[in-house]
């Protein structure tokens, strides 16, 4: 596959695509749901909860942290992760805006 020409798209479109890519793996969805449910956790807890290898979970956590969906803090030898509420507000606004735009388009055009 060729190089994506991200410069052809708006910052908002690129941001939505990055977030959607993070949502595209069921393990990341499970991690996000677990973090939302528990309000925080330690990496080892995720291994027990999801049944995935430590290395696999660490990779998914890194992906989520890189785009800012979660944040983590080091406490001794453990790293605690939680949902980044500021980023989640932005994510919710971006997706709501997209869904509203699509809904309004379908309503006015009587989509097929």
C-alpha atoms as a PDB file:
ATOM      1  CA  UNK A   1       0.000   0.000   0.000  1.00  0.00           C
ATOM      2  CA  UNK A   2       1.269   3.491  -0.808  1.00  0.00           C
ATOM      3  CA  UNK A   3       2.059   6.305   1.555  1.00  0.00           C
ATOM      4  CA  UNK A   4      -1.007   8.048   2.937  1.00  0.00           C
ATOM      5  CA  UNK A   5      -1.173  11.681   1.918  1.00  0.00           C
ATOM      6  CA  UNK A   6      -2.376  13.013   5.264  1.00  0.00           C
ATOM      7  CA  UNK A   7      -1.645  16.575   4.165  1.00  0.00           C
ATOM      8  CA  UNK A   8      -4.653  16.339   1.820  1.00  0.00           C
ATOM      9  CA  UNK A   9      -6.990  16.076   4.807  1.00  0.00           C
ATOM     10  CA  UNK A  10      -7.927  18.385   7.660  1.00  0.00           C
ATOM     11  CA  UNK A  11      -6.402  18.073  11.097  1.00  0.00           C
ATOM     12  CA  UNK A  12      -9.802  16.890  12.345  1.00  0.00           C
ATOM     13  CA  UNK A  13     -10.031  14.166   9.687  1.00  0.00           C
ATOM     14  CA  UNK A  14      -6.527  12.952  10.504  1.00  0.00           C
ATOM     15  CA  UNK A  15      -7.290  12.959  14.243  1.00  0.00           C
ATOM     16  CA  UNK A  16     -10.507  10.967  13.740  1.00  0.00           C
ATOM     17  CA  UNK A  17      -8.625   8.441  11.606  1.00  0.00           C
ATOM     18  CA  UNK A  18      -5.941   7.952  14.278  1.00  0.00           C
ATOM     19  CA  UNK A  19      -8.554   7.453  16.966  1.00  0.00           C
ATOM     20  CA  UNK A  20     -10.558   5.067  14.788  1.00  0.00           C
ATOM     21  CA  UNK A  21      -7.386   3.078  14.166  1.00  0.00           C
ATOM     22  CA  UNK A  22      -6.896   2.724  17.924  1.00  0.00           C
ATOM     23  CA  UNK A  23     -10.502   1.531  18.255  1.00  0.00           C
ATOM     24  CA  UNK A  24      -9.944  -1.038  15.496  1.00  0.00           C
ATOM     25  CA  UNK A  25      -8.539  -3.738  17.781  1.00  0.00           C
ATOM     26  CA  UNK A  26     -10.818  -5.578  20.224  1.00  0.00           C
ATOM     27  CA  UNK A  27      -8.066  -5.817  22.864  1.00  0.00           C
ATOM     28  CA  UNK A  28      -7.796  -2.018  22.927  1.00  0.00           C
ATOM     29  CA  UNK A  29     -11.569  -1.702  23.282  1.00  0.00           C
ATOM     30  CA  UNK A  30     -11.450  -4.194  26.173  1.00  0.00           C
ATOM     31  CA  UNK A  31      -8.627  -2.221  27.810  1.00  0.00           C
ATOM     32  CA  UNK A  32     -10.539   1.039  27.459  1.00  0.00           C
ATOM     33  CA  UNK A  33     -13.709  -0.524  28.854  1.00  0.00           C
ATOM     34  CA  UNK A  34     -11.819  -1.989  31.799  1.00  0.00           C
ATOM     35  CA  UNK A  35     -10.110   1.325  32.563  1.00  0.00           C
ATOM     36  CA  UNK A  36     -13.444   3.147  32.344  1.00  0.00           C
ATOM     37  CA  UNK A  37     -15.044   0.620  34.690  1.00  0.00           C
ATOM     38  CA  UNK A  38     -12.268   0.604  37.289  1.00  0.00           C
ATOM     39  CA  UNK A  39     -11.250   4.279  36.940  1.00  0.00           C
ATOM     40  CA  UNK A  40      -7.581   3.138  37.040  1.00  0.00           C
ATOM     41  CA  UNK A  41      -5.553  -0.026  37.071  1.00  0.00           C
ATOM     42  CA  UNK A  42      -2.097  -1.505  37.201  1.00  0.00           C
ATOM     43  CA  UNK A  43      -0.754  -3.250  34.122  1.00  0.00           C
ATOM     44  CA  UNK A  44      -0.646  -6.663  35.848  1.00  0.00           C
ATOM     45  CA  UNK A  45      -4.373  -6.452  36.548  1.00  0.00           C
ATOM     46  CA  UNK A  46      -5.042  -6.231  32.833  1.00  0.00           C
ATOM     47  CA  UNK A  47      -3.137  -9.462  32.213  1.00  0.00           C
ATOM     48  CA  UNK A  48      -5.442 -11.281  34.625  1.00  0.00           C
ATOM     49  CA  UNK A  49      -8.578  -9.541  33.370  1.00  0.00           C
ATOM     50  CA  UNK A  50      -8.029  -9.988  29.622  1.00  0.00           C
ATOM     51  CA  UNK A  51      -5.990 -13.183  29.544  1.00  0.00           C
ATOM     52  CA  UNK A  52      -3.453 -11.743  27.126  1.00  0.00           C
ATOM     53  CA  UNK A  53       0.317 -11.847  27.509  1.00  0.00           C
ATOM     54  CA  UNK A  54       2.025  -8.988  29.343  1.00  0.00           C
ATOM     55  CA  UNK A  55       3.946  -8.012  26.210  1.00  0.00           C
ATOM     56  CA  UNK A  56       0.747  -7.892  24.144  1.00  0.00           C
ATOM     57  CA  UNK A  57      -1.029  -5.711  26.678  1.00  0.00           C
ATOM     58  CA  UNK A  58       1.985  -3.422  26.949  1.00  0.00           C
ATOM     59  CA  UNK A  59       1.947  -2.947  23.166  1.00  0.00           C
ATOM     60  CA  UNK A  60      -1.751  -2.031  23.186  1.00  0.00           C
ATOM     61  CA  UNK A  61      -1.280   0.310  26.153  1.00  0.00           C
ATOM     62  CA  UNK A  62       1.558   2.037  24.314  1.00  0.00           C
ATOM     63  CA  UNK A  63      -0.659   2.553  21.246  1.00  0.00           C
ATOM     64  CA  UNK A  64      -3.467   4.023  23.364  1.00  0.00           C
ATOM     65  CA  UNK A  65      -1.077   6.231  25.291  1.00  0.00           C
ATOM     66  CA  UNK A  66       0.664   7.525  22.146  1.00  0.00           C
ATOM     67  CA  UNK A  67      -2.555   9.076  20.864  1.00  0.00           C
ATOM     68  CA  UNK A  68      -3.509  10.335  24.308  1.00  0.00           C
ATOM     69  CA  UNK A  69      -6.577   8.193  25.016  1.00  0.00           C
ATOM     70  CA  UNK A  70      -5.008   6.996  28.261  1.00  0.00           C
ATOM     71  CA  UNK A  71      -2.347   8.318  30.570  1.00  0.00           C
ATOM     72  CA  UNK A  72      -0.082   6.534  32.987  1.00  0.00           C
ATOM     73  CA  UNK A  73       1.996   7.213  36.042  1.00  0.00           C
ATOM     74  CA  UNK A  74       4.927   5.266  37.419  1.00  0.00           C
ATOM     75  CA  UNK A  75       4.610   4.146  41.025  1.00  0.00           C
ATOM     76  CA  UNK A  76       7.683   2.146  42.017  1.00  0.00           C
ATOM     77  CA  UNK A  77       7.903  -0.796  39.635  1.00  0.00           C
ATOM     78  CA  UNK A  78       4.255  -0.526  38.553  1.00  0.00           C
ATOM     79  CA  UNK A  79       2.632   1.736  36.022  1.00  0.00           C
ATOM     80  CA  UNK A  80      -0.941   2.795  36.645  1.00  0.00           C
ATOM     81  CA  UNK A  81      -3.091   3.734  33.679  1.00  0.00           C
ATOM     82  CA  UNK A  82      -6.354   5.639  33.477  1.00  0.00           C
ATOM     83  CA  UNK A  83      -8.581   7.260  30.879  1.00  0.00           C
ATOM     84  CA  UNK A  84      -7.389  10.718  29.841  1.00  0.00           C
ATOM     85  CA  UNK A  85     -10.653  12.588  30.441  1.00  0.00           C
ATOM     86  CA  UNK A  86      -9.560  15.726  28.570  1.00  0.00           C
ATOM     87  CA  UNK A  87      -8.762  13.725  25.440  1.00  0.00           C
ATOM     88  CA  UNK A  88     -12.028  11.774  25.796  1.00  0.00           C
ATOM     89  CA  UNK A  89     -14.017  15.001  25.727  1.00  0.00           C
ATOM     90  CA  UNK A  90     -12.245  15.935  22.500  1.00  0.00           C
ATOM     91  CA  UNK A  91     -12.829  12.459  21.038  1.00  0.00           C
ATOM     92  CA  UNK A  92     -16.506  12.565  21.940  1.00  0.00           C
ATOM     93  CA  UNK A  93     -16.872  15.987  20.335  1.00  0.00           C
ATOM     94  CA  UNK A  94     -15.102  14.886  17.143  1.00  0.00           C
ATOM     95  CA  UNK A  95     -17.214  11.755  16.714  1.00  0.00           C
ATOM     96  CA  UNK A  96     -20.451  13.505  17.693  1.00  0.00           C
ATOM     97  CA  UNK A  97     -19.708  16.162  15.080  1.00  0.00           C
ATOM     98  CA  UNK A  98     -19.088  13.517  12.435  1.00  0.00           C
ATOM     99  CA  UNK A  99     -22.215  11.548  13.341  1.00  0.00           C
ATOM    100  CA  UNK A 100     -24.342  14.694  13.447  1.00  0.00           C
ATOM    101  CA  UNK A 101     -23.052  15.715  10.032  1.00  0.00           C
ATOM    102  CA  UNK A 102     -23.823  12.283   8.582  1.00  0.00           C
ATOM    103  CA  UNK A 103     -27.262  12.126  10.213  1.00  0.00           C
ATOM    104  CA  UNK A 104     -28.175  15.590   8.939  1.00  0.00           C
ATOM    105  CA  UNK A 105     -27.013  14.669   5.452  1.00  0.00           C
ATOM    106  CA  UNK A 106     -29.132  11.516   5.367  1.00  0.00           C
ATOM    107  CA  UNK A 107     -32.203  13.232   6.779  1.00  0.00           C
ATOM    108  CA  UNK A 108     -32.116  16.021   4.206  1.00  0.00           C
ATOM    109  CA  UNK A 109     -31.292  13.754   1.235  1.00  0.00           C
ATOM    110  CA  UNK A 110     -33.519  10.797   2.074  1.00  0.00           C
ATOM    111  CA  UNK A 111     -30.557   8.460   1.837  1.00  0.00           C
ATOM    112  CA  UNK A 112     -31.077   5.246  -0.075  1.00  0.00           C
END
